[in-house]
Amino acid sequence: FGNETQKRTHLGPIRRSEIWWAQGYS
């Protein structure tokens, strides 16, 4: 769903475990 800038910015660091994400749902 993301735009190209979001893909370039976030996908690489996620794959390489450079950024730890939290899920803000509940």
mmCIF file of all heavy atoms, coordinates in Angstrom:
data_MODEL
# 
_entry.id   MODEL 
# 
loop_
_atom_site.group_PDB 
_atom_site.id 
_atom_site.type_symbol 
_atom_site.label_atom_id 
_atom_site.label_alt_id 
_atom_site.label_comp_id 
_atom_site.label_asym_id 
_atom_site.label_entity_id 
_atom_site.label_seq_id 
_atom_site.pdbx_PDB_ins_code 
_atom_site.Cartn_x 
_atom_site.Cartn_y 
_atom_site.Cartn_z 
_atom_site.occupancy 
_atom_site.B_iso_or_equiv 
_atom_site.pdbx_formal_charge 
_atom_site.auth_seq_id 
_atom_site.auth_comp_id 
_atom_site.auth_asym_id 
_atom_site.auth_atom_id 
_atom_site.pdbx_PDB_model_num 
ATOM 1   N N   . PHE A 1 1  ? 0.801  -1.230 0.000  1.00 0.00 ? 1  PHE A N   1 
ATOM 2   C CA  . PHE A 1 1  ? 0.000  0.000  0.000  1.00 0.00 ? 1  PHE A CA  1 
ATOM 3   C C   . PHE A 1 1  ? 0.834  1.281  0.000  1.00 0.00 ? 1  PHE A C   1 
ATOM 4   O O   . PHE A 1 1  ? 0.305  2.359  -0.267 1.00 0.00 ? 1  PHE A O   1 
ATOM 5   C CB  . PHE A 1 1  ? -0.918 0.036  1.238  1.00 0.00 ? 1  PHE A CB  1 
ATOM 6   C CG  . PHE A 1 1  ? -1.893 -1.097 1.315  1.00 0.00 ? 1  PHE A CG  1 
ATOM 7   C CD1 . PHE A 1 1  ? -1.616 -2.221 2.072  1.00 0.00 ? 1  PHE A CD1 1 
ATOM 8   C CD2 . PHE A 1 1  ? -3.096 -1.053 0.627  1.00 0.00 ? 1  PHE A CD2 1 
ATOM 9   C CE1 . PHE A 1 1  ? -2.518 -3.276 2.165  1.00 0.00 ? 1  PHE A CE1 1 
ATOM 10  C CE2 . PHE A 1 1  ? -4.001 -2.102 0.698  1.00 0.00 ? 1  PHE A CE2 1 
ATOM 11  C CZ  . PHE A 1 1  ? -3.709 -3.222 1.471  1.00 0.00 ? 1  PHE A CZ  1 
ATOM 12  N N   . GLY A 1 2  ? 2.126  1.184  0.325  1.00 0.00 ? 2  GLY A N   1 
ATOM 13  C CA  . GLY A 1 2  ? 2.931  2.380  0.460  1.00 0.00 ? 2  GLY A CA  1 
ATOM 14  C C   . GLY A 1 2  ? 3.359  2.978  -0.864 1.00 0.00 ? 2  GLY A C   1 
ATOM 15  O O   . GLY A 1 2  ? 3.292  2.329  -1.918 1.00 0.00 ? 2  GLY A O   1 
ATOM 16  N N   . ASN A 1 3  ? 3.824  4.224  -0.798 1.00 0.00 ? 3  ASN A N   1 
ATOM 17  C CA  . ASN A 1 3  ? 4.334  4.873  -2.006 1.00 0.00 ? 3  ASN A CA  1 
ATOM 18  C C   . ASN A 1 3  ? 5.812  4.521  -2.195 1.00 0.00 ? 3  ASN A C   1 
ATOM 19  O O   . ASN A 1 3  ? 6.428  3.866  -1.348 1.00 0.00 ? 3  ASN A O   1 
ATOM 20  C CB  . ASN A 1 3  ? 4.122  6.382  -1.949 1.00 0.00 ? 3  ASN A CB  1 
ATOM 21  C CG  . ASN A 1 3  ? 4.768  7.035  -0.730 1.00 0.00 ? 3  ASN A CG  1 
ATOM 22  O OD1 . ASN A 1 3  ? 5.908  6.723  -0.378 1.00 0.00 ? 3  ASN A OD1 1 
ATOM 23  N ND2 . ASN A 1 3  ? 4.044  7.952  -0.079 1.00 0.00 ? 3  ASN A ND2 1 
ATOM 24  N N   . GLU A 1 4  ? 6.384  4.946  -3.300 1.00 0.00 ? 4  GLU A N   1 
ATOM 25  C CA  . GLU A 1 4  ? 7.751  4.559  -3.613 1.00 0.00 ? 4  GLU A CA  1 
ATOM 26  C C   . GLU A 1 4  ? 8.755  5.087  -2.591 1.00 0.00 ? 4  GLU A C   1 
ATOM 27  O O   . GLU A 1 4  ? 9.736  4.419  -2.262 1.00 0.00 ? 4  GLU A O   1 
ATOM 28  C CB  . GLU A 1 4  ? 8.126  5.036  -5.022 1.00 0.00 ? 4  GLU A CB  1 
ATOM 29  C CG  . GLU A 1 4  ? 7.380  4.318  -6.129 1.00 0.00 ? 4  GLU A CG  1 
ATOM 30  C CD  . GLU A 1 4  ? 7.535  2.807  -6.052 1.00 0.00 ? 4  GLU A CD  1 
ATOM 31  O OE1 . GLU A 1 4  ? 8.695  2.339  -5.867 1.00 0.00 ? 4  GLU A OE1 1 
ATOM 32  O OE2 . GLU A 1 4  ? 6.520  2.092  -6.154 1.00 0.00 ? 4  GLU A OE2 1 
ATOM 33  N N   . THR A 1 5  ? 8.530  6.291  -2.090 1.00 0.00 ? 5  THR A N   1 
ATOM 34  C CA  . THR A 1 5  ? 9.432  6.836  -1.076 1.00 0.00 ? 5  THR A CA  1 
ATOM 35  C C   . THR A 1 5  ? 9.403  5.990  0.187  1.00 0.00 ? 5  THR A C   1 
ATOM 36  O O   . THR A 1 5  ? 10.453 5.696  0.784  1.00 0.00 ? 5  THR A O   1 
ATOM 37  C CB  . THR A 1 5  ? 9.052  8.289  -0.751 1.00 0.00 ? 5  THR A CB  1 
ATOM 38  O OG1 . THR A 1 5  ? 9.172  9.085  -1.935 1.00 0.00 ? 5  THR A OG1 1 
ATOM 39  C CG2 . THR A 1 5  ? 9.948  8.857  0.341  1.00 0.00 ? 5  THR A CG2 1 
ATOM 40  N N   . GLN A 1 6  ? 8.220  5.596  0.617  1.00 0.00 ? 6  GLN A N   1 
ATOM 41  C CA  . GLN A 1 6  ? 8.104  4.755  1.809  1.00 0.00 ? 6  GLN A CA  1 
ATOM 42  C C   . GLN A 1 6  ? 8.778  3.400  1.603  1.00 0.00 ? 6  GLN A C   1 
ATOM 43  O O   . GLN A 1 6  ? 9.438  2.884  2.508  1.00 0.00 ? 6  GLN A O   1 
ATOM 44  C CB  . GLN A 1 6  ? 6.629  4.578  2.168  1.00 0.00 ? 6  GLN A CB  1 
ATOM 45  C CG  . GLN A 1 6  ? 5.980  5.857  2.669  1.00 0.00 ? 6  GLN A CG  1 
ATOM 46  C CD  . GLN A 1 6  ? 4.472  5.766  2.753  1.00 0.00 ? 6  GLN A CD  1 
ATOM 47  O OE1 . GLN A 1 6  ? 3.845  4.864  2.166  1.00 0.00 ? 6  GLN A OE1 1 
ATOM 48  N NE2 . GLN A 1 6  ? 3.849  6.696  3.459  1.00 0.00 ? 6  GLN A NE2 1 
ATOM 49  N N   . LYS A 1 7  ? 8.651  2.840  0.424  1.00 0.00 ? 7  LYS A N   1 
ATOM 50  C CA  . LYS A 1 7  ? 9.312  1.556  0.141  1.00 0.00 ? 7  LYS A CA  1 
ATOM 51  C C   . LYS A 1 7  ? 10.827 1.703  0.200  1.00 0.00 ? 7  LYS A C   1 
ATOM 52  O O   . LYS A 1 7  ? 11.523 0.884  0.812  1.00 0.00 ? 7  LYS A O   1 
ATOM 53  C CB  . LYS A 1 7  ? 8.871  1.028  -1.229 1.00 0.00 ? 7  LYS A CB  1 
ATOM 54  C CG  . LYS A 1 7  ? 7.389  0.660  -1.318 1.00 0.00 ? 7  LYS A CG  1 
ATOM 55  C CD  . LYS A 1 7  ? 7.023  0.280  -2.751 1.00 0.00 ? 7  LYS A CD  1 
ATOM 56  C CE  . LYS A 1 7  ? 5.529  0.081  -2.893 1.00 0.00 ? 7  LYS A CE  1 
ATOM 57  N NZ  . LYS A 1 7  ? 5.129  -0.216 -4.300 1.00 0.00 ? 7  LYS A NZ  1 
ATOM 58  N N   . ARG A 1 8  ? 11.347 2.749  -0.436 1.00 0.00 ? 8  ARG A N   1 
ATOM 59  C CA  . ARG A 1 8  ? 12.795 2.954  -0.438 1.00 0.00 ? 8  ARG A CA  1 
ATOM 60  C C   . ARG A 1 8  ? 13.323 3.214  0.967  1.00 0.00 ? 8  ARG A C   1 
ATOM 61  O O   . ARG A 1 8  ? 14.415 2.777  1.327  1.00 0.00 ? 8  ARG A O   1 
ATOM 62  C CB  . ARG A 1 8  ? 13.164 4.130  -1.354 1.00 0.00 ? 8  ARG A CB  1 
ATOM 63  C CG  . ARG A 1 8  ? 13.063 3.835  -2.841 1.00 0.00 ? 8  ARG A CG  1 
ATOM 64  C CD  . ARG A 1 8  ? 13.787 4.922  -3.638 1.00 0.00 ? 8  ARG A CD  1 
ATOM 65  N NE  . ARG A 1 8  ? 13.290 6.250  -3.326 1.00 0.00 ? 8  ARG A NE  1 
ATOM 66  C CZ  . ARG A 1 8  ? 12.279 6.854  -3.946 1.00 0.00 ? 8  ARG A CZ  1 
ATOM 67  N NH1 . ARG A 1 8  ? 11.653 6.221  -4.942 1.00 0.00 ? 8  ARG A NH1 1 
ATOM 68  N NH2 . ARG A 1 8  ? 11.898 8.074  -3.601 1.00 0.00 ? 8  ARG A NH2 1 
ATOM 69  N N   . THR A 1 9  ? 12.547 3.915  1.756  1.00 0.00 ? 9  THR A N   1 
ATOM 70  C CA  . THR A 1 9  ? 12.986 4.310  3.092  1.00 0.00 ? 9  THR A CA  1 
ATOM 71  C C   . THR A 1 9  ? 12.976 3.145  4.076  1.00 0.00 ? 9  THR A C   1 
ATOM 72  O O   . THR A 1 9  ? 13.904 2.986  4.874  1.00 0.00 ? 9  THR A O   1 
ATOM 73  C CB  . THR A 1 9  ? 12.099 5.447  3.630  1.00 0.00 ? 9  THR A CB  1 
ATOM 74  O OG1 . THR A 1 9  ? 12.174 6.563  2.748  1.00 0.00 ? 9  THR A OG1 1 
ATOM 75  C CG2 . THR A 1 9  ? 12.544 5.869  5.032  1.00 0.00 ? 9  THR A CG2 1 
ATOM 76  N N   . HIS A 1 10 ? 11.949 2.310  4.026  1.00 0.00 ? 10 HIS A N   1 
ATOM 77  C CA  . HIS A 1 10 ? 11.718 1.362  5.113  1.00 0.00 ? 10 HIS A CA  1 
ATOM 78  C C   . HIS A 1 10 ? 12.013 -0.106 4.806  1.00 0.00 ? 10 HIS A C   1 
ATOM 79  O O   . HIS A 1 10 ? 12.382 -0.858 5.722  1.00 0.00 ? 10 HIS A O   1 
ATOM 80  C CB  . HIS A 1 10 ? 10.264 1.475  5.585  1.00 0.00 ? 10 HIS A CB  1 
ATOM 81  C CG  . HIS A 1 10 ? 9.902  2.820  6.113  1.00 0.00 ? 10 HIS A CG  1 
ATOM 82  N ND1 . HIS A 1 10 ? 10.470 3.352  7.257  1.00 0.00 ? 10 HIS A ND1 1 
ATOM 83  C CD2 . HIS A 1 10 ? 9.031  3.763  5.652  1.00 0.00 ? 10 HIS A CD2 1 
ATOM 84  C CE1 . HIS A 1 10 ? 9.966  4.555  7.475  1.00 0.00 ? 10 HIS A CE1 1 
ATOM 85  N NE2 . HIS A 1 10 ? 9.097  4.833  6.530  1.00 0.00 ? 10 HIS A NE2 1 
ATOM 86  N N   . LEU A 1 11 ? 11.849 -0.553 3.580  1.00 0.00 ? 11 LEU A N   1 
ATOM 87  C CA  . LEU A 1 11 ? 11.932 -1.997 3.329  1.00 0.00 ? 11 LEU A CA  1 
ATOM 88  C C   . LEU A 1 11 ? 13.338 -2.558 3.559  1.00 0.00 ? 11 LEU A C   1 
ATOM 89  O O   . LEU A 1 11 ? 13.488 -3.635 4.154  1.00 0.00 ? 11 LEU A O   1 
ATOM 90  C CB  . LEU A 1 11 ? 11.448 -2.312 1.908  1.00 0.00 ? 11 LEU A CB  1 
ATOM 91  C CG  . LEU A 1 11 ? 9.965  -2.035 1.640  1.00 0.00 ? 11 LEU A CG  1 
ATOM 92  C CD1 . LEU A 1 11 ? 9.591  -2.488 0.224  1.00 0.00 ? 11 LEU A CD1 1 
ATOM 93  C CD2 . LEU A 1 11 ? 9.074  -2.724 2.674  1.00 0.00 ? 11 LEU A CD2 1 
ATOM 94  N N   . GLY A 1 12 ? 14.370 -1.853 3.104  1.00 0.00 ? 12 GLY A N   1 
ATOM 95  C CA  . GLY A 1 12 ? 15.731 -2.327 3.317  1.00 0.00 ? 12 GLY A CA  1 
ATOM 96  C C   . GLY A 1 12 ? 16.083 -2.469 4.788  1.00 0.00 ? 12 GLY A C   1 
ATOM 97  O O   . GLY A 1 12 ? 16.557 -3.532 5.228  1.00 0.00 ? 12 GLY A O   1 
ATOM 98  N N   . PRO A 1 13 ? 15.874 -1.419 5.595  1.00 0.00 ? 13 PRO A N   1 
ATOM 99  C CA  . PRO A 1 13 ? 16.156 -1.538 7.029  1.00 0.00 ? 13 PRO A CA  1 
ATOM 100 C C   . PRO A 1 13 ? 15.357 -2.634 7.724  1.00 0.00 ? 13 PRO A C   1 
ATOM 101 O O   . PRO A 1 13 ? 15.858 -3.247 8.673  1.00 0.00 ? 13 PRO A O   1 
ATOM 102 C CB  . PRO A 1 13 ? 15.790 -0.145 7.563  1.00 0.00 ? 13 PRO A CB  1 
ATOM 103 C CG  . PRO A 1 13 ? 16.018 0.767  6.397  1.00 0.00 ? 13 PRO A CG  1 
ATOM 104 C CD  . PRO A 1 13 ? 15.594 -0.021 5.195  1.00 0.00 ? 13 PRO A CD  1 
ATOM 105 N N   . ILE A 1 14 ? 14.129 -2.890 7.276  1.00 0.00 ? 14 ILE A N   1 
ATOM 106 C CA  . ILE A 1 14 ? 13.349 -3.978 7.876  1.00 0.00 ? 14 ILE A CA  1 
ATOM 107 C C   . ILE A 1 14 ? 14.008 -5.319 7.567  1.00 0.00 ? 14 ILE A C   1 
ATOM 108 O O   . ILE A 1 14 ? 14.187 -6.163 8.456  1.00 0.00 ? 14 ILE A O   1 
ATOM 109 C CB  . ILE A 1 14 ? 11.898 -3.954 7.363  1.00 0.00 ? 14 ILE A CB  1 
ATOM 110 C CG1 . ILE A 1 14 ? 11.143 -2.739 7.935  1.00 0.00 ? 14 ILE A CG1 1 
ATOM 111 C CG2 . ILE A 1 14 ? 11.165 -5.247 7.738  1.00 0.00 ? 14 ILE A CG2 1 
ATOM 112 C CD1 . ILE A 1 14 ? 9.754  -2.543 7.356  1.00 0.00 ? 14 ILE A CD1 1 
ATOM 113 N N   . ARG A 1 15 ? 14.376 -5.537 6.316  1.00 0.00 ? 15 ARG A N   1 
ATOM 114 C CA  . ARG A 1 15 ? 15.005 -6.804 5.925  1.00 0.00 ? 15 ARG A CA  1 
ATOM 115 C C   . ARG A 1 15 ? 16.303 -7.030 6.692  1.00 0.00 ? 15 ARG A C   1 
ATOM 116 O O   . ARG A 1 15 ? 16.622 -8.153 7.090  1.00 0.00 ? 15 ARG A O   1 
ATOM 117 C CB  . ARG A 1 15 ? 15.313 -6.830 4.427  1.00 0.00 ? 15 ARG A CB  1 
ATOM 118 C CG  . ARG A 1 15 ? 14.127 -6.989 3.511  1.00 0.00 ? 15 ARG A CG  1 
ATOM 119 C CD  . ARG A 1 15 ? 14.599 -7.414 2.117  1.00 0.00 ? 15 ARG A CD  1 
ATOM 120 N NE  . ARG A 1 15 ? 15.733 -6.643 1.638  1.00 0.00 ? 15 ARG A NE  1 
ATOM 121 C CZ  . ARG A 1 15 ? 15.649 -5.517 0.945  1.00 0.00 ? 15 ARG A CZ  1 
ATOM 122 N NH1 . ARG A 1 15 ? 14.448 -5.019 0.633  1.00 0.00 ? 15 ARG A NH1 1 
ATOM 123 N NH2 . ARG A 1 15 ? 16.734 -4.882 0.536  1.00 0.00 ? 15 ARG A NH2 1 
ATOM 124 N N   . ARG A 1 16 ? 17.064 -5.961 6.908  1.00 0.00 ? 16 ARG A N   1 
ATOM 125 C CA  . ARG A 1 16 ? 18.372 -6.079 7.559  1.00 0.00 ? 16 ARG A CA  1 
ATOM 126 C C   . ARG A 1 16 ? 18.295 -5.975 9.081  1.00 0.00 ? 16 ARG A C   1 
ATOM 127 O O   . ARG A 1 16 ? 19.310 -5.960 9.765  1.00 0.00 ? 16 ARG A O   1 
ATOM 128 C CB  . ARG A 1 16 ? 19.313 -5.000 7.005  1.00 0.00 ? 16 ARG A CB  1 
ATOM 129 C CG  . ARG A 1 16 ? 19.605 -5.149 5.520  1.00 0.00 ? 16 ARG A CG  1 
ATOM 130 C CD  . ARG A 1 16 ? 20.663 -4.160 5.060  1.00 0.00 ? 16 ARG A CD  1 
ATOM 131 N NE  . ARG A 1 16 ? 20.215 -2.768 5.166  1.00 0.00 ? 16 ARG A NE  1 
ATOM 132 C CZ  . ARG A 1 16 ? 19.590 -2.100 4.200  1.00 0.00 ? 16 ARG A CZ  1 
ATOM 133 N NH1 . ARG A 1 16 ? 19.315 -2.698 3.039  1.00 0.00 ? 16 ARG A NH1 1 
ATOM 134 N NH2 . ARG A 1 16 ? 19.237 -0.829 4.371  1.00 0.00 ? 16 ARG A NH2 1 
ATOM 135 N N   . SER A 1 17 ? 17.093 -5.894 9.627  1.00 0.00 ? 17 SER A N   1 
ATOM 136 C CA  . SER A 1 17 ? 16.878 -5.776 11.075 1.00 0.00 ? 17 SER A CA  1 
ATOM 137 C C   . SER A 1 17 ? 17.607 -4.585 11.662 1.00 0.00 ? 17 SER A C   1 
ATOM 138 O O   . SER A 1 17 ? 18.150 -4.639 12.772 1.00 0.00 ? 17 SER A O   1 
ATOM 139 C CB  . SER A 1 17 ? 17.305 -7.061 11.794 1.00 0.00 ? 17 SER A CB  1 
ATOM 140 O OG  . SER A 1 17 ? 16.500 -8.146 11.406 1.00 0.00 ? 17 SER A OG  1 
ATOM 141 N N   . GLU A 1 18 ? 17.622 -3.486 10.923 1.00 0.00 ? 18 GLU A N   1 
ATOM 142 C CA  . GLU A 1 18 ? 18.246 -2.258 11.409 1.00 0.00 ? 18 GLU A CA  1 
ATOM 143 C C   . GLU A 1 18 ? 17.289 -1.408 12.225 1.00 0.00 ? 18 GLU A C   1 
ATOM 144 O O   . GLU A 1 18 ? 17.727 -0.550 12.995 1.00 0.00 ? 18 GLU A O   1 
ATOM 145 C CB  . GLU A 1 18 ? 18.767 -1.449 10.212 1.00 0.00 ? 18 GLU A CB  1 
ATOM 146 C CG  . GLU A 1 18 ? 19.891 -2.149 9.461  1.00 0.00 ? 18 GLU A CG  1 
ATOM 147 C CD  . GLU A 1 18 ? 20.272 -1.442 8.177  1.00 0.00 ? 18 GLU A CD  1 
ATOM 148 O OE1 . GLU A 1 18 ? 19.578 -0.481 7.782  1.00 0.00 ? 18 GLU A OE1 1 
ATOM 149 O OE2 . GLU A 1 18 ? 21.263 -1.869 7.551  1.00 0.00 ? 18 GLU A OE2 1 
ATOM 150 N N   . ILE A 1 19 ? 16.000 -1.639 12.036 1.00 0.00 ? 19 ILE A N   1 
ATOM 151 C CA  . ILE A 1 19 ? 14.966 -0.879 12.739 1.00 0.00 ? 19 ILE A CA  1 
ATOM 152 C C   . ILE A 1 19 ? 14.034 -1.862 13.434 1.00 0.00 ? 19 ILE A C   1 
ATOM 153 O O   . ILE A 1 19 ? 13.588 -2.838 12.836 1.00 0.00 ? 19 ILE A O   1 
ATOM 154 C CB  . ILE A 1 19 ? 14.146 -0.005 11.764 1.00 0.00 ? 19 ILE A CB  1 
ATOM 155 C CG1 . ILE A 1 19 ? 15.056 0.981  11.042 1.00 0.00 ? 19 ILE A CG1 1 
ATOM 156 C CG2 . ILE A 1 19 ? 13.033 0.725  12.496 1.00 0.00 ? 19 ILE A CG2 1 
ATOM 157 C CD1 . ILE A 1 19 ? 15.700 2.015  11.949 1.00 0.00 ? 19 ILE A CD1 1 
ATOM 158 N N   . TRP A 1 20 ? 13.747 -1.609 14.715 1.00 0.00 ? 20 TRP A N   1 
ATOM 159 C CA  . TRP A 1 20 ? 12.804 -2.439 15.468 1.00 0.00 ? 20 TRP A CA  1 
ATOM 160 C C   . TRP A 1 20 ? 11.453 -1.732 15.481 1.00 0.00 ? 20 TRP A C   1 
ATOM 161 O O   . TRP A 1 20 ? 11.344 -0.596 15.905 1.00 0.00 ? 20 TRP A O   1 
ATOM 162 C CB  . TRP A 1 20 ? 13.307 -2.647 16.891 1.00 0.00 ? 20 TRP A CB  1 
ATOM 163 C CG  . TRP A 1 20 ? 12.512 -3.663 17.661 1.00 0.00 ? 20 TRP A CG  1 
ATOM 164 C CD1 . TRP A 1 20 ? 11.243 -3.529 18.143 1.00 0.00 ? 20 TRP A CD1 1 
ATOM 165 C CD2 . TRP A 1 20 ? 12.940 -4.984 18.020 1.00 0.00 ? 20 TRP A CD2 1 
ATOM 166 N NE1 . TRP A 1 20 ? 10.844 -4.666 18.781 1.00 0.00 ? 20 TRP A NE1 1 
ATOM 167 C CE2 . TRP A 1 20 ? 11.876 -5.582 18.718 1.00 0.00 ? 20 TRP A CE2 1 
ATOM 168 C CE3 . TRP A 1 20 ? 14.101 -5.707 17.829 1.00 0.00 ? 20 TRP A CE3 1 
ATOM 169 C CZ2 . TRP A 1 20 ? 11.950 -6.880 19.233 1.00 0.00 ? 20 TRP A CZ2 1 
ATOM 170 C CZ3 . TRP A 1 20 ? 14.179 -6.996 18.337 1.00 0.00 ? 20 TRP A CZ3 1 
ATOM 171 C CH2 . TRP A 1 20 ? 13.109 -7.573 19.027 1.00 0.00 ? 20 TRP A CH2 1 
ATOM 172 N N   . TRP A 1 21 ? 10.429 -2.426 15.024 1.00 0.00 ? 21 TRP A N   1 
ATOM 173 C CA  . TRP A 1 21 ? 9.088  -1.849 14.934 1.00 0.00 ? 21 TRP A CA  1 
ATOM 174 C C   . TRP A 1 21 ? 8.183  -2.358 16.055 1.00 0.00 ? 21 TRP A C   1 
ATOM 175 O O   . TRP A 1 21 ? 8.316  -3.495 16.507 1.00 0.00 ? 21 TRP A O   1 
ATOM 176 C CB  . TRP A 1 21 ? 8.440  -2.201 13.599 1.00 0.00 ? 21 TRP A CB  1 
ATOM 177 C CG  . TRP A 1 21 ? 8.996  -1.453 12.438 1.00 0.00 ? 21 TRP A CG  1 
ATOM 178 C CD1 . TRP A 1 21 ? 10.116 -1.750 11.713 1.00 0.00 ? 21 TRP A CD1 1 
ATOM 179 C CD2 . TRP A 1 21 ? 8.467  -0.250 11.860 1.00 0.00 ? 21 TRP A CD2 1 
ATOM 180 N NE1 . TRP A 1 21 ? 10.317 -0.813 10.726 1.00 0.00 ? 21 TRP A NE1 1 
ATOM 181 C CE2 . TRP A 1 21 ? 9.313  0.114  10.789 1.00 0.00 ? 21 TRP A CE2 1 
ATOM 182 C CE3 . TRP A 1 21 ? 7.354  0.551  12.140 1.00 0.00 ? 21 TRP A CE3 1 
ATOM 183 C CZ2 . TRP A 1 21 ? 9.088  1.236  10.003 1.00 0.00 ? 21 TRP A CZ2 1 
ATOM 184 C CZ3 . TRP A 1 21 ? 7.118  1.671  11.363 1.00 0.00 ? 21 TRP A CZ3 1 
ATOM 185 C CH2 . TRP A 1 21 ? 7.985  2.007  10.308 1.00 0.00 ? 21 TRP A CH2 1 
ATOM 186 N N   . ALA A 1 22 ? 7.261  -1.508 16.467 1.00 0.00 ? 22 ALA A N   1 
ATOM 187 C CA  . ALA A 1 22 ? 6.193  -1.891 17.392 1.00 0.00 ? 22 ALA A CA  1 
ATOM 188 C C   . ALA A 1 22 ? 4.861  -1.732 16.672 1.00 0.00 ? 22 ALA A C   1 
ATOM 189 O O   . ALA A 1 22 ? 4.746  -0.966 15.710 1.00 0.00 ? 22 ALA A O   1 
ATOM 190 C CB  . ALA A 1 22 ? 6.231  -1.031 18.654 1.00 0.00 ? 22 ALA A CB  1 
ATOM 191 N N   . GLN A 1 23 ? 3.857  -2.452 17.157 1.00 0.00 ? 23 GLN A N   1 
ATOM 192 C CA  . GLN A 1 23 ? 2.527  -2.432 16.542 1.00 0.00 ? 23 GLN A CA  1 
ATOM 193 C C   . GLN A 1 23 ? 1.543  -1.697 17.449 1.00 0.00 ? 23 GLN A C   1 
ATOM 194 O O   . GLN A 1 23 ? 1.223  -2.171 18.532 1.00 0.00 ? 23 GLN A O   1 
ATOM 195 C CB  . GLN A 1 23 ? 2.039  -3.865 16.306 1.00 0.00 ? 23 GLN A CB  1 
ATOM 196 C CG  . GLN A 1 23 ? 0.634  -3.950 15.717 1.00 0.00 ? 23 GLN A CG  1 
ATOM 197 C CD  . GLN A 1 23 ? 0.182  -5.392 15.549 1.00 0.00 ? 23 GLN A CD  1 
ATOM 198 O OE1 . GLN A 1 23 ? 0.799  -6.314 16.053 1.00 0.00 ? 23 GLN A OE1 1 
ATOM 199 N NE2 . GLN A 1 23 ? -0.898 -5.589 14.824 1.00 0.00 ? 23 GLN A NE2 1 
ATOM 200 N N   . GLY A 1 24 ? 1.072  -0.538 17.025 1.00 0.00 ? 24 GLY A N   1 
ATOM 201 C CA  . GLY A 1 24 ? 0.170  0.268  17.834 1.00 0.00 ? 24 GLY A CA  1 
ATOM 202 C C   . GLY A 1 24 ? -1.290 0.074  17.445 1.00 0.00 ? 24 GLY A C   1 
ATOM 203 O O   . GLY A 1 24 ? -1.882 0.953  16.803 1.00 0.00 ? 24 GLY A O   1 
ATOM 204 N N   . TYR A 1 25 ? -1.845 -1.059 17.817 1.00 0.00 ? 25 TYR A N   1 
ATOM 205 C CA  . TYR A 1 25 ? -3.245 -1.353 17.499 1.00 0.00 ? 25 TYR A CA  1 
ATOM 206 C C   . TYR A 1 25 ? -4.151 -1.231 18.729 1.00 0.00 ? 25 TYR A C   1 
ATOM 207 O O   . TYR A 1 25 ? -4.994 -0.369 18.813 1.00 0.00 ? 25 TYR A O   1 
ATOM 208 C CB  . TYR A 1 25 ? -3.355 -2.769 16.910 1.00 0.00 ? 25 TYR A CB  1 
ATOM 209 C CG  . TYR A 1 25 ? -3.204 -2.858 15.404 1.00 0.00 ? 25 TYR A CG  1 
ATOM 210 C CD1 . TYR A 1 25 ? -2.451 -1.931 14.692 1.00 0.00 ? 25 TYR A CD1 1 
ATOM 211 C CD2 . TYR A 1 25 ? -3.788 -3.894 14.692 1.00 0.00 ? 25 TYR A CD2 1 
ATOM 212 C CE1 . TYR A 1 25 ? -2.300 -2.019 13.320 1.00 0.00 ? 25 TYR A CE1 1 
ATOM 213 C CE2 . TYR A 1 25 ? -3.650 -3.997 13.310 1.00 0.00 ? 25 TYR A CE2 1 
ATOM 214 C CZ  . TYR A 1 25 ? -2.906 -3.058 12.634 1.00 0.00 ? 25 TYR A CZ  1 
ATOM 215 O OH  . TYR A 1 25 ? -2.772 -3.154 11.271 1.00 0.00 ? 25 TYR A OH  1 
ATOM 216 N N   . SER A 1 26 ? -3.968 -2.110 19.700 1.00 0.00 ? 26 SER A N   1 
ATOM 217 C CA  . SER A 1 26 ? -4.902 -2.204 20.830 1.00 0.00 ? 26 SER A CA  1 
ATOM 218 C C   . SER A 1 26 ? -4.906 -0.941 21.688 1.00 0.00 ? 26 SER A C   1 
ATOM 219 O O   . SER A 1 26 ? -3.884 -0.268 21.852 1.00 0.00 ? 26 SER A O   1 
ATOM 220 C CB  . SER A 1 26 ? -4.547 -3.406 21.702 1.00 0.00 ? 26 SER A CB  1 
ATOM 221 O OG  . SER A 1 26 ? -4.715 -4.614 21.003 1.00 0.00 ? 26 SER A OG  1 
# 
